[in-house]
Amino acid sequence: MAKAPETLNLVPAIREVEAQIHRLTVEFEEKIKPYNDSLAALKKANTACERCEGTGKVLRSRACAEDDRPDPDDPKDWNTCPVCHGTGYAKTKKGTQDG
């Protein structure tokens, strides 16, 4: 008869590592909570489009790797912002634009 293989019980080690990960996750979430709260307040008060930073224009993207890089000093390389449609204003939660 063949001898049954011995059981390698790593469950205690697995549970300890999971507990350490949980403790670190809780600690991390407590540390970043004030930053998340500040970010939410800033976003709520912000009226400028985040994509174009309120300018209404964004640099064109490259069509492929061989395409020339957009030149910020060339007015032809700037496109109307697709998020705010050139207004520079952030969209409200209702889907309309402020301003």
C-alpha atoms as a PDB file:
ATOM      1  CA  MET A   1       0.000   0.000   0.000  1.00  0.00           C
ATOM      2  CA  ALA A   2       1.080   3.521  -0.800  1.00  0.00           C
ATOM      3  CA  LYS A   3       1.550   5.880   2.122  1.00  0.00           C
ATOM      4  CA  ALA A   4      -0.760   8.937   2.110  1.00  0.00           C
ATOM      5  CA  PRO A   5       1.087  12.231   1.731  1.00  0.00           C
ATOM      6  CA  GLU A   6       1.456  14.333   4.845  1.00  0.00           C
ATOM      7  CA  THR A   7      -0.746  17.378   5.137  1.00  0.00           C
ATOM      8  CA  LEU A   8       1.104  20.672   4.995  1.00  0.00           C
ATOM      9  CA  ASN A   9      -1.050  22.908   7.173  1.00  0.00           C
ATOM     10  CA  LEU A  10      -0.237  26.527   6.410  1.00  0.00           C
ATOM     11  CA  VAL A  11      -3.657  27.831   7.461  1.00  0.00           C
ATOM     12  CA  PRO A  12      -2.340  29.572  10.624  1.00  0.00           C
ATOM     13  CA  ALA A  13       0.309  31.390   8.586  1.00  0.00           C
ATOM     14  CA  ILE A  14      -2.243  32.332   5.922  1.00  0.00           C
ATOM     15  CA  ARG A  15      -4.616  33.719   8.550  1.00  0.00           C
ATOM     16  CA  GLU A  16      -1.832  35.721  10.200  1.00  0.00           C
ATOM     17  CA  VAL A  17      -0.799  37.306   6.905  1.00  0.00           C
ATOM     18  CA  GLU A  18      -4.454  38.090   6.117  1.00  0.00           C
ATOM     19  CA  ALA A  19      -4.820  39.715   9.554  1.00  0.00           C
ATOM     20  CA  GLN A  20      -1.685  41.818   8.991  1.00  0.00           C
ATOM     21  CA  ILE A  21      -2.990  42.922   5.591  1.00  0.00           C
ATOM     22  CA  HIS A  22      -6.332  43.858   7.167  1.00  0.00           C
ATOM     23  CA  ARG A  23      -4.626  45.885   9.929  1.00  0.00           C
ATOM     24  CA  LEU A  24      -2.478  47.733   7.404  1.00  0.00           C
ATOM     25  CA  THR A  25      -5.492  48.412   5.178  1.00  0.00           C
ATOM     26  CA  VAL A  26      -7.456  49.878   8.088  1.00  0.00           C
ATOM     27  CA  GLU A  27      -4.451  51.992   9.118  1.00  0.00           C
ATOM     28  CA  PHE A  28      -3.952  53.230   5.556  1.00  0.00           C
ATOM     29  CA  GLU A  29      -7.625  54.114   5.131  1.00  0.00           C
ATOM     30  CA  GLU A  30      -7.542  56.086   8.397  1.00  0.00           C
ATOM     31  CA  LYS A  31      -4.464  58.009   7.215  1.00  0.00           C
ATOM     32  CA  ILE A  32      -5.877  58.937   3.803  1.00  0.00           C
ATOM     33  CA  LYS A  33      -9.410  59.784   4.984  1.00  0.00           C
ATOM     34  CA  PRO A  34      -8.614  63.490   5.590  1.00  0.00           C
ATOM     35  CA  TYR A  35      -7.102  63.704   2.105  1.00  0.00           C
ATOM     36  CA  ASN A  36     -10.127  62.044   0.517  1.00  0.00           C
ATOM     37  CA  ASP A  37     -12.415  64.401   2.439  1.00  0.00           C
ATOM     38  CA  SER A  38     -10.405  67.435   1.288  1.00  0.00           C
ATOM     39  CA  LEU A  39     -10.403  66.191  -2.292  1.00  0.00           C
ATOM     40  CA  ALA A  40     -14.175  65.711  -2.243  1.00  0.00           C
ATOM     41  CA  ALA A  41     -14.673  69.237  -0.875  1.00  0.00           C
ATOM     42  CA  LEU A  42     -12.361  70.713  -3.524  1.00  0.00           C
ATOM     43  CA  LYS A  43     -14.133  68.866  -6.326  1.00  0.00           C
ATOM     44  CA  LYS A  44     -17.520  69.991  -5.016  1.00  0.00           C
ATOM     45  CA  ALA A  45     -16.452  73.657  -4.935  1.00  0.00           C
ATOM     46  CA  ASN A  46     -14.585  73.522  -8.267  1.00  0.00           C
ATOM     47  CA  THR A  47     -16.263  75.162 -11.258  1.00  0.00           C
ATOM     48  CA  ALA A  48     -13.446  74.694 -13.799  1.00  0.00           C
ATOM     49  CA  CYS A  49     -13.367  71.726 -16.167  1.00  0.00           C
ATOM     50  CA  GLU A  50     -10.818  69.224 -14.853  1.00  0.00           C
ATOM     51  CA  ARG A  51      -9.797  68.059 -18.334  1.00  0.00           C
ATOM     52  CA  CYS A  52      -8.808  71.460 -19.756  1.00  0.00           C
ATOM     53  CA  GLU A  53      -8.304  73.223 -16.395  1.00  0.00           C
ATOM     54  CA  GLY A  54     -10.840  75.853 -17.367  1.00  0.00           C
ATOM     55  CA  THR A  55      -9.212  76.933 -20.640  1.00  0.00           C
ATOM     56  CA  GLY A  56     -11.745  75.276 -22.935  1.00  0.00           C
ATOM     57  CA  LYS A  57      -8.915  73.854 -25.071  1.00  0.00           C
ATOM     58  CA  VAL A  58      -6.773  70.702 -24.959  1.00  0.00           C
ATOM     59  CA  LEU A  59      -3.716  69.717 -26.956  1.00  0.00           C
ATOM     60  CA  ARG A  60      -4.519  67.342 -29.796  1.00  0.00           C
ATOM     61  CA  SER A  61      -3.544  63.727 -29.350  1.00  0.00           C
ATOM     62  CA  ARG A  62      -1.135  61.887 -31.599  1.00  0.00           C
ATOM     63  CA  ALA A  63      -2.754  59.651 -34.203  1.00  0.00           C
ATOM     64  CA  CYS A  64       0.177  57.228 -34.146  1.00  0.00           C
ATOM     65  CA  ALA A  65       3.771  56.982 -32.950  1.00  0.00           C
ATOM     66  CA  GLU A  66       5.051  58.505 -36.194  1.00  0.00           C
ATOM     67  CA  ASP A  67       2.786  61.545 -35.813  1.00  0.00           C
ATOM     68  CA  ASP A  68       4.486  64.779 -34.755  1.00  0.00           C
ATOM     69  CA  ARG A  69       4.102  65.670 -31.115  1.00  0.00           C
ATOM     70  CA  PRO A  70       1.591  68.450 -30.468  1.00  0.00           C
ATOM     71  CA  ASP A  71       3.213  71.853 -30.076  1.00  0.00           C
ATOM     72  CA  PRO A  72       1.697  73.918 -27.241  1.00  0.00           C
ATOM     73  CA  ASP A  73       2.859  77.083 -29.022  1.00  0.00           C
ATOM     74  CA  ASP A  74       0.991  76.185 -32.245  1.00  0.00           C
ATOM     75  CA  PRO A  75      -2.656  77.312 -32.129  1.00  0.00           C
ATOM     76  CA  LYS A  76      -3.536  74.618 -34.702  1.00  0.00           C
ATOM     77  CA  ASP A  77      -2.549  71.901 -32.198  1.00  0.00           C
ATOM     78  CA  TRP A  78      -5.247  72.932 -29.735  1.00  0.00           C
ATOM     79  CA  ASN A  79      -8.737  71.378 -29.895  1.00  0.00           C
ATOM     80  CA  THR A  80     -11.969  72.260 -28.152  1.00  0.00           C
ATOM     81  CA  CYS A  81     -12.228  70.351 -24.893  1.00  0.00           C
ATOM     82  CA  PRO A  82     -14.484  67.316 -25.386  1.00  0.00           C
ATOM     83  CA  VAL A  83     -15.648  67.392 -21.761  1.00  0.00           C
ATOM     84  CA  CYS A  84     -16.830  71.000 -21.396  1.00  0.00           C
ATOM     85  CA  HIS A  85     -17.196  71.685 -25.152  1.00  0.00           C
ATOM     86  CA  GLY A  86     -15.026  74.770 -24.874  1.00  0.00           C
ATOM     87  CA  THR A  87     -16.806  76.508 -22.011  1.00  0.00           C
ATOM     88  CA  GLY A  88     -14.112  75.801 -19.427  1.00  0.00           C
ATOM     89  CA  TYR A  89     -16.775  75.056 -16.828  1.00  0.00           C
ATOM     90  CA  ALA A  90     -17.155  71.818 -14.909  1.00  0.00           C
ATOM     91  CA  LYS A  91     -20.244  69.761 -15.506  1.00  0.00           C
ATOM     92  CA  THR A  92     -22.718  69.635 -12.650  1.00  0.00           C
ATOM     93  CA  LYS A  93     -24.145  66.411 -11.284  1.00  0.00           C
ATOM     94  CA  LYS A  94     -27.316  67.009 -13.327  1.00  0.00           C
ATOM     95  CA  GLY A  95     -25.288  66.822 -16.536  1.00  0.00           C
ATOM     96  CA  THR A  96     -25.619  70.525 -17.305  1.00  0.00           C
ATOM     97  CA  GLN A  97     -22.803  73.008 -17.244  1.00  0.00           C
ATOM     98  CA  ASP A  98     -22.270  75.729 -14.686  1.00  0.00           C
ATOM     99  CA  GLY A  99     -21.848  79.288 -15.734  1.00  0.00           C
END
